[in-house]
Amino acid sequence: MTEMTVTVARSRLSEAVDTARVSHEPVYLLRRGRRVAALIDAEDLAKLIEAAEDLNDLRAANAARTEMTETGDAAVPWEEVKAELGLA
């Protein structure tokens, strides 16, 4: 794990970016000894965003299943959904 002050990062930005990109580890930027930001590889960020979106979708699906179980609602057949949306 790499840490550097914002002031040092400003003067060594290229090095900080290369470190994050090559090591695939975040470079934490410090201000007054506290982490205030992090540099990460762009591809790693894209993977993190995709994983967060997938997790959110799983949580929504689980919540829907739980709601269906609690309310006793039956699943609507796909053909019925398409017909209601005018897609059939």
PDB file of N, CA and C in Angstrom:
ATOM      1  N   MET A   1       0.854  -1.167   0.000  1.00  0.00           N
ATOM      2  CA  MET A   1       0.000   0.000   0.000  1.00  0.00           C
ATOM      3  C   MET A   1       0.900   1.230   0.000  1.00  0.00           C
ATOM      4  N   THR A   2       0.603   2.140  -0.913  1.00  0.00           N
ATOM      5  CA  THR A   2       1.396   3.347  -1.057  1.00  0.00           C
ATOM      6  C   THR A   2       0.600   4.543  -0.557  1.00  0.00           C
ATOM      7  N   GLU A   3       1.269   5.386   0.181  1.00  0.00           N
ATOM      8  CA  GLU A   3       0.662   6.634   0.650  1.00  0.00           C
ATOM      9  C   GLU A   3       1.618   7.772   0.351  1.00  0.00           C
ATOM     10  N   MET A   4       1.042   8.922   0.008  1.00  0.00           N
ATOM     11  CA  MET A   4       1.857  10.130  -0.163  1.00  0.00           C
ATOM     12  C   MET A   4       0.969  11.338   0.075  1.00  0.00           C
ATOM     13  N   THR A   5       1.604  12.406   0.489  1.00  0.00           N
ATOM     14  CA  THR A   5       0.833  13.626   0.720  1.00  0.00           C
ATOM     15  C   THR A   5       0.365  14.183  -0.624  1.00  0.00           C
ATOM     16  N   VAL A   6      -0.658  14.989  -0.568  1.00  0.00           N
ATOM     17  CA  VAL A   6      -1.163  15.634  -1.772  1.00  0.00           C
ATOM     18  C   VAL A   6      -0.071  16.495  -2.397  1.00  0.00           C
ATOM     19  N   THR A   7       0.705  17.173  -1.568  1.00  0.00           N
ATOM     20  CA  THR A   7       1.781  18.026  -2.074  1.00  0.00           C
ATOM     21  C   THR A   7       2.813  17.214  -2.835  1.00  0.00           C
ATOM     22  N   VAL A   8       3.230  16.074  -2.282  1.00  0.00           N
ATOM     23  CA  VAL A   8       4.201  15.215  -2.959  1.00  0.00           C
ATOM     24  C   VAL A   8       3.582  14.647  -4.231  1.00  0.00           C
ATOM     25  N   ALA A   9       2.326  14.231  -4.161  1.00  0.00           N
ATOM     26  CA  ALA A   9       1.654  13.670  -5.336  1.00  0.00           C
ATOM     27  C   ALA A   9       1.573  14.691  -6.463  1.00  0.00           C
ATOM     28  N   ARG A  10       1.367  15.943  -6.108  1.00  0.00           N
ATOM     29  CA  ARG A  10       1.291  17.000  -7.112  1.00  0.00           C
ATOM     30  C   ARG A  10       2.604  17.087  -7.886  1.00  0.00           C
ATOM     31  N   SER A  11       3.710  16.968  -7.189  1.00  0.00           N
ATOM     32  CA  SER A  11       5.009  17.084  -7.854  1.00  0.00           C
ATOM     33  C   SER A  11       5.452  15.767  -8.498  1.00  0.00           C
ATOM     34  N   ARG A  12       4.827  14.648  -8.105  1.00  0.00           N
ATOM     35  CA  ARG A  12       5.209  13.343  -8.640  1.00  0.00           C
ATOM     36  C   ARG A  12       3.989  12.607  -9.195  1.00  0.00           C
ATOM     37  N   LEU A  13       3.101  13.350  -9.830  1.00  0.00           N
ATOM     38  CA  LEU A  13       1.840  12.767 -10.301  1.00  0.00           C
ATOM     39  C   LEU A  13       2.056  11.598 -11.253  1.00  0.00           C
ATOM     40  N   SER A  14       2.946  11.751 -12.200  1.00  0.00           N
ATOM     41  CA  SER A  14       3.205  10.684 -13.167  1.00  0.00           C
ATOM     42  C   SER A  14       3.641   9.402 -12.462  1.00  0.00           C
ATOM     43  N   GLU A  15       4.506   9.532 -11.491  1.00  0.00           N
ATOM     44  CA  GLU A  15       4.976   8.371 -10.736  1.00  0.00           C
ATOM     45  C   GLU A  15       3.842   7.737  -9.937  1.00  0.00           C
ATOM     46  N   ALA A  16       2.995   8.565  -9.321  1.00  0.00           N
ATOM     47  CA  ALA A  16       1.876   8.052  -8.538  1.00  0.00           C
ATOM     48  C   ALA A  16       0.891   7.289  -9.427  1.00  0.00           C
ATOM     49  N   VAL A  17       0.611   7.846 -10.598  1.00  0.00           N
ATOM     50  CA  VAL A  17      -0.306   7.179 -11.531  1.00  0.00           C
ATOM     51  C   VAL A  17       0.293   5.858 -11.987  1.00  0.00           C
ATOM     52  N   ASP A  18       1.558   5.863 -12.346  1.00  0.00           N
ATOM     53  CA  ASP A  18       2.212   4.632 -12.793  1.00  0.00           C
ATOM     54  C   ASP A  18       2.213   3.569 -11.704  1.00  0.00           C
ATOM     55  N   THR A  19       2.426   3.975 -10.471  1.00  0.00           N
ATOM     56  CA  THR A  19       2.419   3.034  -9.352  1.00  0.00           C
ATOM     57  C   THR A  19       1.049   2.374  -9.228  1.00  0.00           C
ATOM     58  N   ALA A  20      -0.015   3.161  -9.287  1.00  0.00           N
ATOM     59  CA  ALA A  20      -1.371   2.610  -9.183  1.00  0.00           C
ATOM     60  C   ALA A  20      -1.680   1.702 -10.369  1.00  0.00           C
ATOM     61  N   ARG A  21      -1.260   2.130 -11.549  1.00  0.00           N
ATOM     62  CA  ARG A  21      -1.565   1.379 -12.770  1.00  0.00           C
ATOM     63  C   ARG A  21      -0.820   0.050 -12.806  1.00  0.00           C
ATOM     64  N   VAL A  22       0.454   0.054 -12.475  1.00  0.00           N
ATOM     65  CA  VAL A  22       1.275  -1.148 -12.583  1.00  0.00           C
ATOM     66  C   VAL A  22       1.023  -2.120 -11.424  1.00  0.00           C
ATOM     67  N   SER A  23       0.921  -1.597 -10.212  1.00  0.00           N
ATOM     68  CA  SER A  23       0.778  -2.472  -9.035  1.00  0.00           C
ATOM     69  C   SER A  23      -0.655  -2.924  -8.802  1.00  0.00           C
ATOM     70  N   HIS A  24      -1.624  -2.237  -9.433  1.00  0.00           N
ATOM     71  CA  HIS A  24      -3.047  -2.515  -9.211  1.00  0.00           C
ATOM     72  C   HIS A  24      -3.405  -2.385  -7.733  1.00  0.00           C
ATOM     73  N   GLU A  25      -2.669  -1.551  -7.043  1.00  0.00           N
ATOM     74  CA  GLU A  25      -2.949  -1.208  -5.648  1.00  0.00           C
ATOM     75  C   GLU A  25      -3.196   0.288  -5.597  1.00  0.00           C
ATOM     76  N   PRO A  26      -4.109   0.734  -4.738  1.00  0.00           N
ATOM     77  CA  PRO A  26      -4.365   2.174  -4.662  1.00  0.00           C
ATOM     78  C   PRO A  26      -3.170   2.941  -4.096  1.00  0.00           C
ATOM     79  N   VAL A  27      -3.037   4.161  -4.552  1.00  0.00           N
ATOM     80  CA  VAL A  27      -2.077   5.102  -3.981  1.00  0.00           C
ATOM     81  C   VAL A  27      -2.923   6.108  -3.203  1.00  0.00           C
ATOM     82  N   TYR A  28      -2.818   6.064  -1.889  1.00  0.00           N
ATOM     83  CA  TYR A  28      -3.620   6.941  -1.041  1.00  0.00           C
ATOM     84  C   TYR A  28      -2.961   8.306  -0.918  1.00  0.00           C
ATOM     85  N   LEU A  29      -3.753   9.343  -1.055  1.00  0.00           N
ATOM     86  CA  LEU A  29      -3.269  10.713  -0.916  1.00  0.00           C
ATOM     87  C   LEU A  29      -3.656  11.218   0.464  1.00  0.00           C
ATOM     88  N   LEU A  30      -2.685  11.790   1.135  1.00  0.00           N
ATOM     89  CA  LEU A  30      -2.870  12.235   2.520  1.00  0.00           C
ATOM     90  C   LEU A  30      -2.860  13.753   2.616  1.00  0.00           C
ATOM     91  N   ARG A  31      -3.700  14.252   3.488  1.00  0.00           N
ATOM     92  CA  ARG A  31      -3.674  15.670   3.848  1.00  0.00           C
ATOM     93  C   ARG A  31      -3.765  15.718   5.370  1.00  0.00           C
ATOM     94  N   ARG A  32      -2.758  16.328   5.962  1.00  0.00           N
ATOM     95  CA  ARG A  32      -2.657  16.403   7.436  1.00  0.00           C
ATOM     96  C   ARG A  32      -2.701  15.005   8.066  1.00  0.00           C
ATOM     97  N   GLY A  33      -2.057  14.054   7.375  1.00  0.00           N
ATOM     98  CA  GLY A  33      -1.949  12.700   7.899  1.00  0.00           C
ATOM     99  C   GLY A  33      -3.174  11.826   7.700  1.00  0.00           C
ATOM    100  N   ARG A  34      -4.215  12.359   7.069  1.00  0.00           N
ATOM    101  CA  ARG A  34      -5.441  11.579   6.858  1.00  0.00           C
ATOM    102  C   ARG A  34      -5.630  11.302   5.370  1.00  0.00           C
ATOM    103  N   ARG A  35      -6.121  10.112   5.056  1.00  0.00           N
ATOM    104  CA  ARG A  35      -6.413   9.775   3.668  1.00  0.00           C
ATOM    105  C   ARG A  35      -7.590  10.615   3.181  1.00  0.00           C
ATOM    106  N   VAL A  36      -7.385  11.278   2.054  1.00  0.00           N
ATOM    107  CA  VAL A  36      -8.447  12.122   1.516  1.00  0.00           C
ATOM    108  C   VAL A  36      -8.869  11.691   0.107  1.00  0.00           C
ATOM    109  N   ALA A  37      -8.036  10.885  -0.552  1.00  0.00           N
ATOM    110  CA  ALA A  37      -8.353  10.419  -1.899  1.00  0.00           C
ATOM    111  C   ALA A  37      -7.455   9.230  -2.207  1.00  0.00           C
ATOM    112  N   ALA A  38      -7.767   8.586  -3.335  1.00  0.00           N
ATOM    113  CA  ALA A  38      -6.941   7.465  -3.769  1.00  0.00           C
ATOM    114  C   ALA A  38      -6.869   7.454  -5.289  1.00  0.00           C
ATOM    115  N   LEU A  39      -5.706   7.114  -5.800  1.00  0.00           N
ATOM    116  CA  LEU A  39      -5.528   6.898  -7.233  1.00  0.00           C
ATOM    117  C   LEU A  39      -5.585   5.395  -7.468  1.00  0.00           C
ATOM    118  N   ILE A  40      -6.406   4.967  -8.442  1.00  0.00           N
ATOM    119  CA  ILE A  40      -6.451   3.554  -8.788  1.00  0.00           C
ATOM    120  C   ILE A  40      -6.442   3.419 -10.306  1.00  0.00           C
ATOM    121  N   ASP A  41      -6.052   2.252 -10.768  1.00  0.00           N
ATOM    122  CA  ASP A  41      -6.031   1.965 -12.190  1.00  0.00           C
ATOM    123  C   ASP A  41      -7.450   2.064 -12.749  1.00  0.00           C
ATOM    124  N   ALA A  42      -7.603   2.635 -13.928  1.00  0.00           N
ATOM    125  CA  ALA A  42      -8.921   2.843 -14.534  1.00  0.00           C
ATOM    126  C   ALA A  42      -9.652   1.526 -14.759  1.00  0.00           C
ATOM    127  N   GLU A  43      -8.949   0.487 -15.194  1.00  0.00           N
ATOM    128  CA  GLU A  43      -9.596  -0.812 -15.399  1.00  0.00           C
ATOM    129  C   GLU A  43     -10.061  -1.407 -14.078  1.00  0.00           C
ATOM    130  N   ASP A  44      -9.270  -1.213 -13.019  1.00  0.00           N
ATOM    131  CA  ASP A  44      -9.675  -1.693 -11.703  1.00  0.00           C
ATOM    132  C   ASP A  44     -10.941  -0.969 -11.244  1.00  0.00           C
ATOM    133  N   LEU A  45     -11.023   0.333 -11.507  1.00  0.00           N
ATOM    134  CA  LEU A  45     -12.214   1.096 -11.156  1.00  0.00           C
ATOM    135  C   LEU A  45     -13.428   0.567 -11.913  1.00  0.00           C
ATOM    136  N   ALA A  46     -13.274   0.297 -13.204  1.00  0.00           N
ATOM    137  CA  ALA A  46     -14.381  -0.229 -13.999  1.00  0.00           C
ATOM    138  C   ALA A  46     -14.870  -1.560 -13.427  1.00  0.00           C
ATOM    139  N   LYS A  47     -13.936  -2.416 -13.015  1.00  0.00           N
ATOM    140  CA  LYS A  47     -14.311  -3.702 -12.413  1.00  0.00           C
ATOM    141  C   LYS A  47     -15.045  -3.496 -11.085  1.00  0.00           C
ATOM    142  N   LEU A  48     -14.576  -2.542 -10.283  1.00  0.00           N
ATOM    143  CA  LEU A  48     -15.233  -2.253  -9.007  1.00  0.00           C
ATOM    144  C   LEU A  48     -16.651  -1.737  -9.218  1.00  0.00           C
ATOM    145  N   ILE A  49     -16.826  -0.858 -10.198  1.00  0.00           N
ATOM    146  CA  ILE A  49     -18.154  -0.326 -10.493  1.00  0.00           C
ATOM    147  C   ILE A  49     -19.077  -1.443 -10.962  1.00  0.00           C
ATOM    148  N   GLU A  50     -18.574  -2.311 -11.842  1.00  0.00           N
ATOM    149  CA  GLU A  50     -19.379  -3.425 -12.334  1.00  0.00           C
ATOM    150  C   GLU A  50     -19.772  -4.362 -11.192  1.00  0.00           C
ATOM    151  N   ALA A  51     -18.825  -4.644 -10.303  1.00  0.00           N
ATOM    152  CA  ALA A  51     -19.107  -5.513  -9.162  1.00  0.00           C
ATOM    153  C   ALA A  51     -20.144  -4.878  -8.240  1.00  0.00           C
ATOM    154  N   ALA A  52     -20.051  -3.581  -8.017  1.00  0.00           N
ATOM    155  CA  ALA A  52     -21.022  -2.882  -7.169  1.00  0.00           C
ATOM    156  C   ALA A  52     -22.408  -2.915  -7.804  1.00  0.00           C
ATOM    157  N   GLU A  53     -22.470  -2.724  -9.125  1.00  0.00           N
ATOM    158  CA  GLU A  53     -23.764  -2.786  -9.818  1.00  0.00           C
ATOM    159  C   GLU A  53     -24.353  -4.192  -9.748  1.00  0.00           C
ATOM    160  N   ASP A  54     -23.511  -5.221  -9.924  1.00  0.00           N
ATOM    161  CA  ASP A  54     -23.980  -6.601  -9.818  1.00  0.00           C
ATOM    162  C   ASP A  54     -24.510  -6.886  -8.419  1.00  0.00           C
ATOM    163  N   LEU A  55     -23.793  -6.420  -7.399  1.00  0.00           N
ATOM    164  CA  LEU A  55     -24.227  -6.620  -6.024  1.00  0.00           C
ATOM    165  C   LEU A  55     -25.559  -5.925  -5.779  1.00  0.00           C
ATOM    166  N   ASN A  56     -25.715  -4.712  -6.300  1.00  0.00           N
ATOM    167  CA  ASN A  56     -26.967  -3.990  -6.152  1.00  0.00           C
ATOM    168  C   ASN A  56     -28.112  -4.750  -6.819  1.00  0.00           C
ATOM    169  N   ASP A  57     -27.861  -5.312  -8.014  1.00  0.00           N
ATOM    170  CA  ASP A  57     -28.877  -6.108  -8.704  1.00  0.00           C
ATOM    171  C   ASP A  57     -29.260  -7.341  -7.891  1.00  0.00           C
ATOM    172  N   LEU A  58     -28.266  -8.012  -7.299  1.00  0.00           N
ATOM    173  CA  LEU A  58     -28.547  -9.183  -6.469  1.00  0.00           C
ATOM    174  C   LEU A  58     -29.386  -8.819  -5.251  1.00  0.00           C
ATOM    175  N   ARG A  59     -29.062  -7.699  -4.630  1.00  0.00           N
ATOM    176  CA  ARG A  59     -29.834  -7.253  -3.468  1.00  0.00           C
ATOM    177  C   ARG A  59     -31.271  -6.940  -3.860  1.00  0.00           C
ATOM    178  N   ALA A  60     -31.461  -6.297  -5.011  1.00  0.00           N
ATOM    179  CA  ALA A  60     -32.810  -5.975  -5.477  1.00  0.00           C
ATOM    180  C   ALA A  60     -33.584  -7.245  -5.783  1.00  0.00           C
ATOM    181  N   ALA A  61     -32.933  -8.218  -6.407  1.00  0.00           N
ATOM    182  CA  ALA A  61     -33.603  -9.487  -6.716  1.00  0.00           C
ATOM    183  C   ALA A  61     -33.984 -10.215  -5.439  1.00  0.00           C
ATOM    184  N   ASN A  62     -33.079 -10.228  -4.465  1.00  0.00           N
ATOM    185  CA  ASN A  62     -33.388 -10.881  -3.186  1.00  0.00           C
ATOM    186  C   ASN A  62     -34.527 -10.178  -2.472  1.00  0.00           C
ATOM    187  N   ALA A  63     -34.550  -8.849  -2.527  1.00  0.00           N
ATOM    188  CA  ALA A  63     -35.631  -8.095  -1.895  1.00  0.00           C
ATOM    189  C   ALA A  63     -36.960  -8.416  -2.579  1.00  0.00           C
ATOM    190  N   ALA A  64     -36.946  -8.530  -3.902  1.00  0.00           N
ATOM    191  CA  ALA A  64     -38.169  -8.859  -4.641  1.00  0.00           C
ATOM    192  C   ALA A  64     -38.651 -10.258  -4.279  1.00  0.00           C
ATOM    193  N   ARG A  65     -37.724 -11.223  -4.182  1.00  0.00           N
ATOM    194  CA  ARG A  65     -38.103 -12.588  -3.794  1.00  0.00           C
ATOM    195  C   ARG A  65     -38.695 -12.607  -2.391  1.00  0.00           C
ATOM    196  N   THR A  66     -38.053 -11.867  -1.488  1.00  0.00           N
ATOM    197  CA  THR A  66     -38.547 -11.806  -0.111  1.00  0.00           C
ATOM    198  C   THR A  66     -39.945 -11.201  -0.071  1.00  0.00           C
ATOM    199  N   GLU A  67     -40.141 -10.117  -0.817  1.00  0.00           N
ATOM    200  CA  GLU A  67     -41.456  -9.473  -0.862  1.00  0.00           C
ATOM    201  C   GLU A  67     -42.508 -10.423  -1.418  1.00  0.00           C
ATOM    202  N   MET A  68     -42.156 -11.158  -2.470  1.00  0.00           N
ATOM    203  CA  MET A  68     -43.109 -12.115  -3.052  1.00  0.00           C
ATOM    204  C   MET A  68     -43.477 -13.195  -2.039  1.00  0.00           C
ATOM    205  N   THR A  69     -42.491 -13.665  -1.284  1.00  0.00           N
ATOM    206  CA  THR A  69     -42.726 -14.699  -0.283  1.00  0.00           C
ATOM    207  C   THR A  69     -43.610 -14.173   0.839  1.00  0.00           C
ATOM    208  N   GLU A  70     -43.316 -12.953   1.291  1.00  0.00           N
ATOM    209  CA  GLU A  70     -44.065 -12.380   2.410  1.00  0.00           C
ATOM    210  C   GLU A  70     -45.500 -12.025   2.032  1.00  0.00           C
ATOM    211  N   THR A  71     -45.710 -11.571   0.817  1.00  0.00           N
ATOM    212  CA  THR A  71     -47.051 -11.148   0.400  1.00  0.00           C
ATOM    213  C   THR A  71     -47.834 -12.268  -0.267  1.00  0.00           C
ATOM    214  N   GLY A  72     -47.150 -13.357  -0.601  1.00  0.00           N
ATOM    215  CA  GLY A  72     -47.824 -14.468  -1.253  1.00  0.00           C
ATOM    216  C   GLY A  72     -48.082 -14.230  -2.730  1.00  0.00           C
ATOM    217  N   ASP A  73     -47.476 -13.194  -3.295  1.00  0.00           N
ATOM    218  CA  ASP A  73     -47.650 -12.918  -4.719  1.00  0.00           C
ATOM    219  C   ASP A  73     -46.980 -14.010  -5.547  1.00  0.00           C
ATOM    220  N   ALA A  74     -47.632 -14.350  -6.638  1.00  0.00           N
ATOM    221  CA  ALA A  74     -47.052 -15.331  -7.554  1.00  0.00           C
ATOM    222  C   ALA A  74     -46.257 -14.594  -8.630  1.00  0.00           C
ATOM    223  N   ALA A  75     -45.272 -15.268  -9.166  1.00  0.00           N
ATOM    224  CA  ALA A  75     -44.495 -14.688 -10.257  1.00  0.00           C
ATOM    225  C   ALA A  75     -45.382 -14.563 -11.488  1.00  0.00           C
ATOM    226  N   VAL A  76     -45.170 -13.509 -12.251  1.00  0.00           N
ATOM    227  CA  VAL A  76     -45.933 -13.281 -13.473  1.00  0.00           C
ATOM    228  C   VAL A  76     -45.189 -13.940 -14.625  1.00  0.00           C
ATOM    229  N   PRO A  77     -45.855 -14.791 -15.394  1.00  0.00           N
ATOM    230  CA  PRO A  77     -45.176 -15.448 -16.515  1.00  0.00           C
ATOM    231  C   PRO A  77     -44.634 -14.424 -17.524  1.00  0.00           C
ATOM    232  N   TRP A  78     -43.482 -14.726 -18.122  1.00  0.00           N
ATOM    233  CA  TRP A  78     -42.823 -13.829 -19.049  1.00  0.00           C
ATOM    234  C   TRP A  78     -43.722 -13.483 -20.225  1.00  0.00           C
ATOM    235  N   GLU A  79     -44.462 -14.443 -20.742  1.00  0.00           N
ATOM    236  CA  GLU A  79     -45.355 -14.189 -21.877  1.00  0.00           C
ATOM    237  C   GLU A  79     -46.408 -13.142 -21.513  1.00  0.00           C
ATOM    238  N   GLU A  80     -46.890 -13.179 -20.283  1.00  0.00           N
ATOM    239  CA  GLU A  80     -47.877 -12.193 -19.822  1.00  0.00           C
ATOM    240  C   GLU A  80     -47.252 -10.801 -19.721  1.00  0.00           C
ATOM    241  N   VAL A  81     -46.051 -10.728 -19.231  1.00  0.00           N
ATOM    242  CA  VAL A  81     -45.346  -9.450 -19.123  1.00  0.00           C
ATOM    243  C   VAL A  81     -45.153  -8.851 -20.519  1.00  0.00           C
ATOM    244  N   LYS A  82     -44.687  -9.677 -21.461  1.00  0.00           N
ATOM    245  CA  LYS A  82     -44.481  -9.178 -22.842  1.00  0.00           C
ATOM    246  C   LYS A  82     -45.794  -8.687 -23.444  1.00  0.00           C
ATOM    247  N   ALA A  83     -46.880  -9.402 -23.193  1.00  0.00           N
ATOM    248  CA  ALA A  83     -48.178  -9.000 -23.737  1.00  0.00           C
ATOM    249  C   ALA A  83     -48.609  -7.665 -23.164  1.00  0.00           C
ATOM    250  N   GLU A  84     -48.427  -7.487 -21.848  1.00  0.00           N
ATOM    251  CA  GLU A  84     -48.807  -6.230 -21.194  1.00  0.00           C
ATOM    252  C   GLU A  84     -47.987  -5.058 -21.715  1.00  0.00           C
ATOM    253  N   LEU A  85     -46.747  -5.310 -22.091  1.00  0.00           N
ATOM    254  CA  LEU A  85     -45.872  -4.258 -22.610  1.00  0.00           C
ATOM    255  C   LEU A  85     -45.990  -4.091 -24.116  1.00  0.00           C
ATOM    256  N   GLY A  86     -46.850  -4.882 -24.726  1.00  0.00           N
ATOM    257  CA  GLY A  86     -47.025  -4.809 -26.172  1.00  0.00           C
ATOM    258  C   GLY A  86     -45.865  -5.358 -26.956  1.00  0.00           C
ATOM    259  N   LEU A  87     -45.135  -6.285 -26.367  1.00  0.00           N
ATOM    260  CA  LEU A  87     -43.959  -6.875 -27.019  1.00  0.00           C
ATOM    261  C   LEU A  87     -44.240  -8.248 -27.609  1.00  0.00           C
ATOM    262  N   ALA A  88     -45.432  -8.761 -27.380  1.00  0.00           N
ATOM    263  CA  ALA A  88     -45.746 -10.122 -27.854  1.00  0.00           C
ATOM    264  C   ALA A  88     -46.372 -10.080 -29.243  1.00  0.00           C
TER     265      ALA A  88
END
